PDB file of N, CA and C in Angstrom:
ATOM      1  N   SER A   1    -336.724  59.308 137.227  1.00  0.00           N
ATOM      2  CA  SER A   1    -335.204  58.946 136.713  1.00  0.00           C
ATOM      3  C   SER A   1    -335.292  57.712 136.103  1.00  0.00           C
ATOM      4  N   SER A   2    -334.501  57.127 135.042  1.00  0.00           N
ATOM      5  CA  SER A   2    -334.002  56.345 134.292  1.00  0.00           C
ATOM      6  C   SER A   2    -333.352  56.043 133.721  1.00  0.00           C
ATOM      7  N   LEU A   3    -332.644  55.109 132.841  1.00  0.00           N
ATOM      8  CA  LEU A   3    -331.380  54.534 132.688  1.00  0.00           C
ATOM      9  C   LEU A   3    -331.460  55.352 130.653  1.00  0.00           C
ATOM     10  N   ALA A   4    -330.104  56.333 130.591  1.00  0.00           N
ATOM     11  CA  ALA A   4    -330.220  57.297 130.070  1.00  0.00           C
ATOM     12  C   ALA A   4    -328.889  56.457 128.942  1.00  0.00           C
ATOM     13  N   ALA A   5    -328.234  55.865 129.254  1.00  0.00           N
ATOM     14  CA  ALA A   5    -326.751  55.819 128.997  1.00  0.00           C
ATOM     15  C   ALA A   5    -326.026  54.550 128.848  1.00  0.00           C
ATOM     16  N   GLY A   6    -325.307  54.259 128.670  1.00  0.00           N
ATOM     17  CA  GLY A   6    -323.985  53.074 129.249  1.00  0.00           C
ATOM     18  C   GLY A   6    -322.749  53.307 128.341  1.00  0.00           C
ATOM     19  N   ALA A   7    -321.953  52.833 129.453  1.00  0.00           N
ATOM     20  CA  ALA A   7    -320.306  52.808 128.618  1.00  0.00           C
ATOM     21  C   ALA A   7    -319.719  51.386 128.780  1.00  0.00           C
ATOM     22  N   ASP A   8    -318.718  51.191 127.903  1.00  0.00           N
ATOM     23  CA  ASP A   8    -317.916  49.981 127.561  1.00  0.00           C
ATOM     24  C   ASP A   8    -316.859  50.264 126.601  1.00  0.00           C
ATOM     25  N   ILE A   9    -316.134  49.580 127.265  1.00  0.00           N
ATOM     26  CA  ILE A   9    -314.501  49.743 125.869  1.00  0.00           C
ATOM     27  C   ILE A   9    -314.773  48.768 124.937  1.00  0.00           C
ATOM     28  N   ASN A  10    -315.605  47.525 125.472  1.00  0.00           N
ATOM     29  CA  ASN A  10    -315.647  46.193 124.474  1.00  0.00           C
ATOM     30  C   ASN A  10    -316.674  46.525 123.763  1.00  0.00           C
ATOM     31  N   ALA A  11    -316.896  46.641 122.162  1.00  0.00           N
ATOM     32  CA  ALA A  11    -317.793  46.603 121.266  1.00  0.00           C
ATOM     33  C   ALA A  11    -318.770  46.003 121.566  1.00  0.00           C
ATOM     34  N   GLY A  12    -318.686  44.619 121.771  1.00  0.00           N
ATOM     35  CA  GLY A  12    -319.638  43.675 121.953  1.00  0.00           C
ATOM     36  C   GLY A  12    -320.753  43.738 123.035  1.00  0.00           C
ATOM     37  N   VAL A  13    -320.162  44.444 123.820  1.00  0.00           N
ATOM     38  CA  VAL A  13    -320.705  44.437 125.193  1.00  0.00           C
ATOM     39  C   VAL A  13    -321.621  46.117 124.949  1.00  0.00           C
ATOM     40  N   ARG A  14    -321.236  46.501 124.208  1.00  0.00           N
ATOM     41  CA  ARG A  14    -321.515  47.964 123.543  1.00  0.00           C
ATOM     42  C   ARG A  14    -322.917  47.651 122.445  1.00  0.00           C
ATOM     43  N   ARG A  15    -322.515  46.917 121.692  1.00  0.00           N
ATOM     44  CA  ARG A  15    -323.959  46.267 120.999  1.00  0.00           C
ATOM     45  C   ARG A  15    -324.821  45.661 121.699  1.00  0.00           C
ATOM     46  N   ARG A  16    -324.661  44.808 122.678  1.00  0.00           N
ATOM     47  CA  ARG A  16    -326.022  44.056 123.332  1.00  0.00           C
ATOM     48  C   ARG A  16    -326.473  45.012 123.751  1.00  0.00           C
ATOM     49  N   PHE A  17    -325.594  46.020 124.932  1.00  0.00           N
ATOM     50  CA  PHE A  17    -326.139  47.256 125.741  1.00  0.00           C
ATOM     51  C   PHE A  17    -327.729  47.854 124.428  1.00  0.00           C
ATOM     52  N   SER A  18    -327.039  48.149 123.333  1.00  0.00           N
ATOM     53  CA  SER A  18    -328.095  49.073 122.200  1.00  0.00           C
ATOM     54  C   SER A  18    -329.492  47.818 122.063  1.00  0.00           C
ATOM     55  N   GLU A  19    -328.651  46.910 121.722  1.00  0.00           N
ATOM     56  CA  GLU A  19    -330.048  46.077 121.924  1.00  0.00           C
ATOM     57  C   GLU A  19    -331.043  45.979 122.775  1.00  0.00           C
ATOM     58  N   ALA A  20    -330.374  45.627 124.036  1.00  0.00           N
ATOM     59  CA  ALA A  20    -331.569  45.621 125.294  1.00  0.00           C
ATOM     60  C   ALA A  20    -331.985  46.967 125.295  1.00  0.00           C
ATOM     61  N   PHE A  21    -331.220  48.171 125.119  1.00  0.00           N
ATOM     62  CA  PHE A  21    -331.810  49.778 126.118  1.00  0.00           C
ATOM     63  C   PHE A  21    -331.845  50.573 124.366  1.00  0.00           C
ATOM     64  N   PRO A  22    -332.382  50.264 123.472  1.00  0.00           N
ATOM     65  CA  PRO A  22    -332.550  50.694 122.556  1.00  0.00           C
ATOM     66  C   PRO A  22    -332.555  52.427 122.573  1.00  0.00           C
ATOM     67  N   ARG A  23    -333.131  52.826 123.806  1.00  0.00           N
ATOM     68  CA  ARG A  23    -333.281  54.320 123.462  1.00  0.00           C
ATOM     69  C   ARG A  23    -332.203  55.109 124.170  1.00  0.00           C
ATOM     70  N   CYS A  24    -331.171  54.307 124.688  1.00  0.00           N
ATOM     71  CA  CYS A  24    -330.075  54.942 125.348  1.00  0.00           C
ATOM     72  C   CYS A  24    -328.865  55.188 124.956  1.00  0.00           C
ATOM     73  N   LYS A  25    -328.162  55.986 125.521  1.00  0.00           N
ATOM     74  CA  LYS A  25    -326.824  56.762 124.597  1.00  0.00           C
ATOM     75  C   LYS A  25    -325.687  55.776 124.862  1.00  0.00           C
ATOM     76  N   VAL A  26    -325.106  55.539 123.846  1.00  0.00           N
ATOM     77  CA  VAL A  26    -324.057  54.530 124.180  1.00  0.00           C
ATOM     78  C   VAL A  26    -322.842  55.103 123.936  1.00  0.00           C
ATOM     79  N   TYR A  27    -321.699  54.879 125.037  1.00  0.00           N
ATOM     80  CA  TYR A  27    -320.077  55.538 124.708  1.00  0.00           C
ATOM     81  C   TYR A  27    -319.060  54.366 124.998  1.00  0.00           C
ATOM     82  N   ASP A  28    -317.953  54.711 124.314  1.00  0.00           N
ATOM     83  CA  ASP A  28    -317.075  53.810 124.219  1.00  0.00           C
ATOM     84  C   ASP A  28    -315.729  54.093 125.619  1.00  0.00           C
ATOM     85  N   SER A  29    -316.558  54.683 125.990  1.00  0.00           N
ATOM     86  CA  SER A  29    -315.138  55.213 127.362  1.00  0.00           C
ATOM     87  C   SER A  29    -316.337  55.364 128.613  1.00  0.00           C
ATOM     88  N   VAL A  30    -315.704  55.375 129.690  1.00  0.00           N
ATOM     89  CA  VAL A  30    -316.127  56.189 130.803  1.00  0.00           C
ATOM     90  C   VAL A  30    -316.325  57.529 131.133  1.00  0.00           C
ATOM     91  N   ASP A  31    -314.920  58.129 130.144  1.00  0.00           N
ATOM     92  CA  ASP A  31    -314.876  59.146 130.121  1.00  0.00           C
ATOM     93  C   ASP A  31    -315.790  60.612 129.320  1.00  0.00           C
ATOM     94  N   ALA A  32    -315.982  59.566 127.992  1.00  0.00           N
ATOM     95  CA  ALA A  32    -317.190  60.105 127.137  1.00  0.00           C
ATOM     96  C   ALA A  32    -318.221  59.828 127.646  1.00  0.00           C
ATOM     97  N   MET A  33    -318.475  59.383 128.655  1.00  0.00           N
ATOM     98  CA  MET A  33    -320.069  59.399 128.922  1.00  0.00           C
ATOM     99  C   MET A  33    -320.296  60.492 129.968  1.00  0.00           C
ATOM    100  N   CYS A  34    -319.349  60.670 131.166  1.00  0.00           N
ATOM    101  CA  CYS A  34    -319.122  61.436 131.997  1.00  0.00           C
ATOM    102  C   CYS A  34    -318.708  63.084 130.990  1.00  0.00           C
ATOM    103  N   ALA A  35    -318.286  63.471 130.129  1.00  0.00           N
ATOM    104  CA  ALA A  35    -318.474  64.446 129.427  1.00  0.00           C
ATOM    105  C   ALA A  35    -319.763  64.829 128.838  1.00  0.00           C
ATOM    106  N   ASP A  36    -320.699  63.974 129.044  1.00  0.00           N
ATOM    107  CA  ASP A  36    -321.923  63.971 127.995  1.00  0.00           C
ATOM    108  C   ASP A  36    -322.810  65.072 129.344  1.00  0.00           C
ATOM    109  N   ASP A  37    -323.181  66.783 128.963  1.00  0.00           N
ATOM    110  CA  ASP A  37    -323.979  67.323 130.177  1.00  0.00           C
ATOM    111  C   ASP A  37    -325.560  66.927 130.382  1.00  0.00           C
ATOM    112  N   THR A  38    -326.125  66.038 129.339  1.00  0.00           N
ATOM    113  CA  THR A  38    -327.088  65.572 129.525  1.00  0.00           C
ATOM    114  C   THR A  38    -327.674  64.671 130.813  1.00  0.00           C
ATOM    115  N   LEU A  39    -326.676  64.007 131.403  1.00  0.00           N
ATOM    116  CA  LEU A  39    -326.215  63.402 132.441  1.00  0.00           C
ATOM    117  C   LEU A  39    -325.734  63.741 133.836  1.00  0.00           C
ATOM    118  N   ASP A  40    -326.825  63.673 134.805  1.00  0.00           N
ATOM    119  CA  ASP A  40    -326.875  64.438 135.840  1.00  0.00           C
ATOM    120  C   ASP A  40    -326.139  63.359 136.670  1.00  0.00           C
ATOM    121  N   ALA A  41    -326.234  61.464 136.378  1.00  0.00           N
ATOM    122  CA  ALA A  41    -325.954  60.774 137.600  1.00  0.00           C
ATOM    123  C   ALA A  41    -325.270  60.105 136.747  1.00  0.00           C
ATOM    124  N   ILE A  42    -324.113  59.529 137.405  1.00  0.00           N
ATOM    125  CA  ILE A  42    -323.317  57.892 137.047  1.00  0.00           C
ATOM    126  C   ILE A  42    -323.134  56.821 138.319  1.00  0.00           C
ATOM    127  N   TRP A  43    -323.637  55.530 137.188  1.00  0.00           N
ATOM    128  CA  TRP A  43    -323.514  54.391 138.615  1.00  0.00           C
ATOM    129  C   TRP A  43    -322.530  53.945 137.762  1.00  0.00           C
ATOM    130  N   ILE A  44    -321.388  53.384 138.806  1.00  0.00           N
ATOM    131  CA  ILE A  44    -320.255  53.038 138.616  1.00  0.00           C
ATOM    132  C   ILE A  44    -320.489  51.283 139.054  1.00  0.00           C
ATOM    133  N   SER A  45    -320.266  50.731 137.602  1.00  0.00           N
ATOM    134  CA  SER A  45    -320.128  49.277 138.469  1.00  0.00           C
ATOM    135  C   SER A  45    -319.009  48.753 137.385  1.00  0.00           C
ATOM    136  N   THR A  46    -318.244  49.140 137.290  1.00  0.00           N
ATOM    137  CA  THR A  46    -317.254  48.684 136.564  1.00  0.00           C
ATOM    138  C   THR A  46    -316.261  47.462 137.719  1.00  0.00           C
ATOM    139  N   PRO A  47    -314.950  46.742 137.228  1.00  0.00           N
ATOM    140  CA  PRO A  47    -314.049  45.998 138.169  1.00  0.00           C
ATOM    141  C   PRO A  47    -313.270  46.941 139.147  1.00  0.00           C
ATOM    142  N   SER A  48    -313.870  46.678 140.551  1.00  0.00           N
ATOM    143  CA  SER A  48    -313.107  46.753 141.646  1.00  0.00           C
ATOM    144  C   SER A  48    -311.996  48.397 141.529  1.00  0.00           C
ATOM    145  N   ARG A  49    -310.410  47.864 140.799  1.00  0.00           N
ATOM    146  CA  ARG A  49    -310.142  48.382 140.736  1.00  0.00           C
ATOM    147  C   ARG A  49    -309.678  50.031 140.254  1.00  0.00           C
ATOM    148  N   LEU A  50    -310.982  49.803 139.160  1.00  0.00           N
ATOM    149  CA  LEU A  50    -311.705  51.072 138.618  1.00  0.00           C
ATOM    150  C   LEU A  50    -312.088  51.880 139.334  1.00  0.00           C
ATOM    151  N   HIS A  51    -313.077  51.477 140.146  1.00  0.00           N
ATOM    152  CA  HIS A  51    -314.064  52.989 141.073  1.00  0.00           C
ATOM    153  C   HIS A  51    -313.141  54.065 141.298  1.00  0.00           C
ATOM    154  N   ALA A  52    -312.397  54.038 142.035  1.00  0.00           N
ATOM    155  CA  ALA A  52    -312.445  54.954 142.944  1.00  0.00           C
ATOM    156  C   ALA A  52    -311.810  55.633 141.364  1.00  0.00           C
ATOM    157  N   ASP A  53    -310.875  56.006 140.333  1.00  0.00           N
ATOM    158  CA  ASP A  53    -310.649  56.161 139.132  1.00  0.00           C
ATOM    159  C   ASP A  53    -311.906  56.868 138.536  1.00  0.00           C
ATOM    160  N   HIS A  54    -313.164  56.207 138.042  1.00  0.00           N
ATOM    161  CA  HIS A  54    -313.973  56.499 137.888  1.00  0.00           C
ATOM    162  C   HIS A  54    -315.192  57.419 138.623  1.00  0.00           C
ATOM    163  N   ALA A  55    -314.957  56.989 139.878  1.00  0.00           N
ATOM    164  CA  ALA A  55    -315.928  58.343 140.532  1.00  0.00           C
ATOM    165  C   ALA A  55    -315.069  59.504 140.669  1.00  0.00           C
ATOM    166  N   VAL A  56    -313.687  59.259 140.983  1.00  0.00           N
ATOM    167  CA  VAL A  56    -313.262  61.023 140.777  1.00  0.00           C
ATOM    168  C   VAL A  56    -313.411  61.254 139.446  1.00  0.00           C
ATOM    169  N   LEU A  57    -313.582  60.872 138.236  1.00  0.00           N
ATOM    170  CA  LEU A  57    -313.769  61.511 136.879  1.00  0.00           C
ATOM    171  C   LEU A  57    -315.548  62.163 136.927  1.00  0.00           C
ATOM    172  N   ALA A  58    -316.066  61.239 137.201  1.00  0.00           N
ATOM    173  CA  ALA A  58    -317.806  61.649 137.126  1.00  0.00           C
ATOM    174  C   ALA A  58    -317.743  62.851 138.447  1.00  0.00           C
ATOM    175  N   ALA A  59    -317.282  62.671 138.823  1.00  0.00           N
ATOM    176  CA  ALA A  59    -317.298  64.213 140.461  1.00  0.00           C
ATOM    177  C   ALA A  59    -316.999  65.281 139.822  1.00  0.00           C
ATOM    178  N   SER A  60    -315.750  64.697 138.830  1.00  0.00           N
ATOM    179  CA  SER A  60    -314.907  66.279 138.631  1.00  0.00           C
ATOM    180  C   SER A  60    -315.618  66.881 137.292  1.00  0.00           C
ATOM    181  N   ARG A  61    -316.567  66.173 136.787  1.00  0.00           N
ATOM    182  CA  ARG A  61    -317.561  66.375 135.521  1.00  0.00           C
ATOM    183  C   ARG A  61    -318.830  66.572 136.431  1.00  0.00           C
ATOM    184  N   LYS A  62    -318.864  66.939 137.456  1.00  0.00           N
ATOM    185  CA  LYS A  62    -320.371  67.455 138.297  1.00  0.00           C
ATOM    186  C   LYS A  62    -321.564  66.474 137.797  1.00  0.00           C
ATOM    187  N   LYS A  63    -321.304  65.520 138.068  1.00  0.00           N
ATOM    188  CA  LYS A  63    -322.247  64.452 138.446  1.00  0.00           C
ATOM    189  C   LYS A  63    -322.341  63.462 139.493  1.00  0.00           C
ATOM    190  N   HIS A  64    -323.492  63.504 140.122  1.00  0.00           N
ATOM    191  CA  HIS A  64    -324.044  62.735 141.134  1.00  0.00           C
ATOM    192  C   HIS A  64    -323.220  61.006 141.224  1.00  0.00           C
ATOM    193  N   VAL A  65    -322.838  60.496 141.641  1.00  0.00           N
ATOM    194  CA  VAL A  65    -322.114  59.037 141.825  1.00  0.00           C
ATOM    195  C   VAL A  65    -322.901  58.355 142.623  1.00  0.00           C
ATOM    196  N   ILE A  66    -323.346  57.500 142.074  1.00  0.00           N
ATOM    197  CA  ILE A  66    -323.606  56.005 142.997  1.00  0.00           C
ATOM    198  C   ILE A  66    -322.437  54.997 142.442  1.00  0.00           C
ATOM    199  N   ILE A  67    -321.845  53.834 143.584  1.00  0.00           N
ATOM    200  CA  ILE A  67    -320.576  53.060 143.026  1.00  0.00           C
ATOM    201  C   ILE A  67    -321.132  51.701 143.658  1.00  0.00           C
ATOM    202  N   SER A  68    -320.922  50.597 143.043  1.00  0.00           N
ATOM    203  CA  SER A  68    -320.482  49.523 143.716  1.00  0.00           C
ATOM    204  C   SER A  68    -319.651  49.429 144.837  1.00  0.00           C
ATOM    205  N   LYS A  69    -319.696  48.303 146.005  1.00  0.00           N
ATOM    206  CA  LYS A  69    -318.930  48.088 146.682  1.00  0.00           C
ATOM    207  C   LYS A  69    -317.545  47.748 145.775  1.00  0.00           C
ATOM    208  N   PRO A  70    -316.218  47.973 146.337  1.00  0.00           N
ATOM    209  CA  PRO A  70    -315.785  48.537 147.269  1.00  0.00           C
ATOM    210  C   PRO A  70    -315.455  49.823 146.554  1.00  0.00           C
ATOM    211  N   MET A  71    -315.722  50.959 147.300  1.00  0.00           N
ATOM    212  CA  MET A  71    -315.884  52.187 146.410  1.00  0.00           C
ATOM    213  C   MET A  71    -314.575  52.547 146.246  1.00  0.00           C
ATOM    214  N   ALA A  72    -312.972  51.777 146.884  1.00  0.00           N
ATOM    215  CA  ALA A  72    -311.819  51.860 145.998  1.00  0.00           C
ATOM    216  C   ALA A  72    -311.312  50.425 146.568  1.00  0.00           C
ATOM    217  N   THR A  73    -310.162  49.962 146.469  1.00  0.00           N
ATOM    218  CA  THR A  73    -309.318  48.605 146.609  1.00  0.00           C
ATOM    219  C   THR A  73    -308.545  49.578 147.883  1.00  0.00           C
ATOM    220  N   THR A  74    -307.663  50.708 147.855  1.00  0.00           N
ATOM    221  CA  THR A  74    -307.018  51.084 148.828  1.00  0.00           C
ATOM    222  C   THR A  74    -307.377  52.135 149.828  1.00  0.00           C
ATOM    223  N   LEU A  75    -306.843  52.180 151.065  1.00  0.00           N
ATOM    224  CA  LEU A  75    -307.121  53.424 151.867  1.00  0.00           C
ATOM    225  C   LEU A  75    -306.965  55.069 150.947  1.00  0.00           C
ATOM    226  N   ALA A  76    -305.670  54.667 150.368  1.00  0.00           N
ATOM    227  CA  ALA A  76    -305.207  56.246 149.701  1.00  0.00           C
ATOM    228  C   ALA A  76    -306.257  56.290 148.804  1.00  0.00           C
ATOM    229  N   ASP A  77    -306.818  55.276 147.693  1.00  0.00           N
ATOM    230  CA  ASP A  77    -307.598  55.607 146.793  1.00  0.00           C
ATOM    231  C   ASP A  77    -309.202  55.815 147.354  1.00  0.00           C
ATOM    232  N   ALA A  78    -309.844  55.355 148.564  1.00  0.00           N
ATOM    233  CA  ALA A  78    -310.631  55.867 149.054  1.00  0.00           C
ATOM    234  C   ALA A  78    -310.659  57.403 149.869  1.00  0.00           C
ATOM    235  N   GLU A  79    -309.405  57.927 150.223  1.00  0.00           N
ATOM    236  CA  GLU A  79    -309.261  59.277 150.654  1.00  0.00           C
ATOM    237  C   GLU A  79    -309.316  60.421 149.287  1.00  0.00           C
TER     238      GLU A  79
END
């Protein structure tokens, strides 16, 4: 497996990502990246408060999910 894509809402971050990884796809949202049927897995390393929402989104799109700690910021979100 290898890095295939990245997503960020910040255009500057997307530009730097494209420069560093020119063969990778770049998306302006996690939703757009998760909609790509060619991607099998999503590594979530967004701010902690977004982890649960992004994990649920990726899983709902049938992606394998790897997530940075913490999985969620509340027990309710973790459930």
